[in-house]
Amino acid sequence: MTDANWLDAAAEDAVFDVIGAVLAGCEISLYNVEGHIHATDNICTHGQARLCDGFLDGFEIECPHHQGRFDVRDGSPTCEPAKRALRS
């Protein structure tokens, strides 16, 4: 992948834990886990809540509305009621 395929969303040091951003018209969440930055859609696939307002625990983001969880590395649901994966 060349640099032309990447878009800057935030400075790396601005992603302390989890932040929300709008990039090319899409709401995303950025996560810093053990010094690695991960990105997913910002809207929960179950309850339409903003994941940047949730709780990050290791590689899992917990939705602030119904406590569904997703793996921030690949967007897969890890705890119900979340059943559909996030784009990552």
Protein backbone atom coordinates (compact mmCIF):
# COMPACT_ATOMS: atom_id res chain seq x y z
CA MET A 1 0.00 0.00 0.00
CA THR A 2 1.35 3.41 -0.90
CA ASP A 3 0.98 6.54 1.20
CA ALA A 4 -1.66 7.74 -1.29
CA ASN A 5 -4.04 5.11 0.13
CA TRP A 6 -3.79 6.38 3.72
CA LEU A 7 -5.67 9.27 5.32
CA ASP A 8 -4.52 11.01 8.50
CA ALA A 9 -7.21 10.74 11.19
CA ALA A 10 -5.30 11.99 14.25
CA ALA A 11 -1.82 12.39 15.61
CA GLU A 12 -0.68 9.11 17.15
CA ASP A 13 -0.04 10.75 20.53
CA ALA A 14 -3.64 12.09 20.52
CA VAL A 15 -4.96 8.52 20.73
CA PHE A 16 -4.34 7.90 24.41
CA ASP A 17 -7.06 5.25 24.86
CA VAL A 18 -10.05 5.63 22.51
CA ILE A 19 -11.19 8.65 20.50
CA GLY A 20 -13.81 9.31 17.86
CA ALA A 21 -13.04 10.96 14.54
CA VAL A 22 -14.73 11.74 11.24
CA LEU A 23 -12.66 10.70 8.26
CA ALA A 24 -13.83 11.08 4.66
CA GLY A 25 -17.40 11.47 5.96
CA CYS A 26 -17.30 8.27 8.08
CA GLU A 27 -17.44 8.16 11.88
CA ILE A 28 -14.63 5.98 13.22
CA SER A 29 -13.16 5.08 16.59
CA LEU A 30 -9.40 4.93 17.05
CA TYR A 31 -7.95 2.76 19.80
CA ASN A 32 -4.45 2.65 21.26
CA VAL A 33 -3.78 -0.81 22.67
CA GLU A 34 -0.23 -1.55 23.82
CA GLY A 35 1.12 1.13 21.48
CA HIS A 36 -0.71 -0.15 18.38
CA ILE A 37 -3.47 1.92 16.77
CA HIS A 38 -6.64 0.14 15.62
CA ALA A 39 -9.73 1.60 13.91
CA THR A 40 -13.36 0.50 13.62
CA ASP A 41 -16.70 2.04 12.75
CA ASN A 42 -17.77 4.27 15.63
CA ILE A 43 -21.41 3.15 15.71
CA CYS A 44 -22.34 -0.08 17.49
CA THR A 45 -24.03 -2.62 15.20
CA HIS A 46 -26.55 -3.47 17.93
CA GLY A 47 -27.69 -0.28 19.61
CA GLN A 48 -26.56 2.66 17.47
CA ALA A 49 -24.35 4.01 20.27
CA ARG A 50 -21.02 5.76 19.73
CA LEU A 51 -18.25 3.35 20.68
CA CYS A 52 -15.80 6.17 21.38
CA ASP A 53 -17.98 6.80 24.47
CA GLY A 54 -17.53 3.18 25.59
CA PHE A 55 -15.00 1.41 27.81
CA LEU A 56 -11.79 -0.03 26.33
CA ASP A 57 -10.55 -3.15 28.12
CA GLY A 58 -7.52 -4.65 26.43
CA PHE A 59 -8.51 -5.38 22.82
CA GLU A 60 -12.25 -5.09 23.56
CA ILE A 61 -14.45 -2.00 23.29
CA GLU A 62 -17.66 -2.13 25.31
CA CYS A 63 -20.71 -0.33 23.98
CA PRO A 64 -21.93 2.31 26.44
CA HIS A 65 -25.61 1.43 25.93
CA HIS A 66 -26.05 -2.34 26.18
CA GLN A 67 -22.52 -3.54 27.07
CA GLY A 68 -22.01 -5.52 23.87
CA ARG A 69 -18.30 -5.93 23.13
CA PHE A 70 -16.14 -5.99 20.01
CA ASP A 71 -12.52 -6.92 19.31
CA VAL A 72 -10.91 -3.70 18.03
CA ARG A 73 -8.37 -5.65 15.95
CA ASP A 74 -10.95 -7.13 13.57
CA GLY A 75 -14.36 -5.78 14.66
CA SER A 76 -15.72 -9.21 15.66
CA PRO A 77 -18.40 -9.29 18.38
CA THR A 78 -17.14 -10.87 21.61
CA CYS A 79 -20.15 -10.44 23.93
CA GLU A 80 -23.89 -10.30 23.38
CA PRO A 81 -26.08 -8.52 22.58
CA ALA A 82 -23.62 -7.60 19.79
CA LYS A 83 -23.86 -10.14 16.99
CA ARG A 84 -22.75 -8.32 13.84
CA ALA A 85 -19.12 -7.35 13.32
CA LEU A 86 -17.90 -3.79 12.95
CA ARG A 87 -15.92 -2.73 9.91
CA SER A 88 -12.28 -2.42 10.93
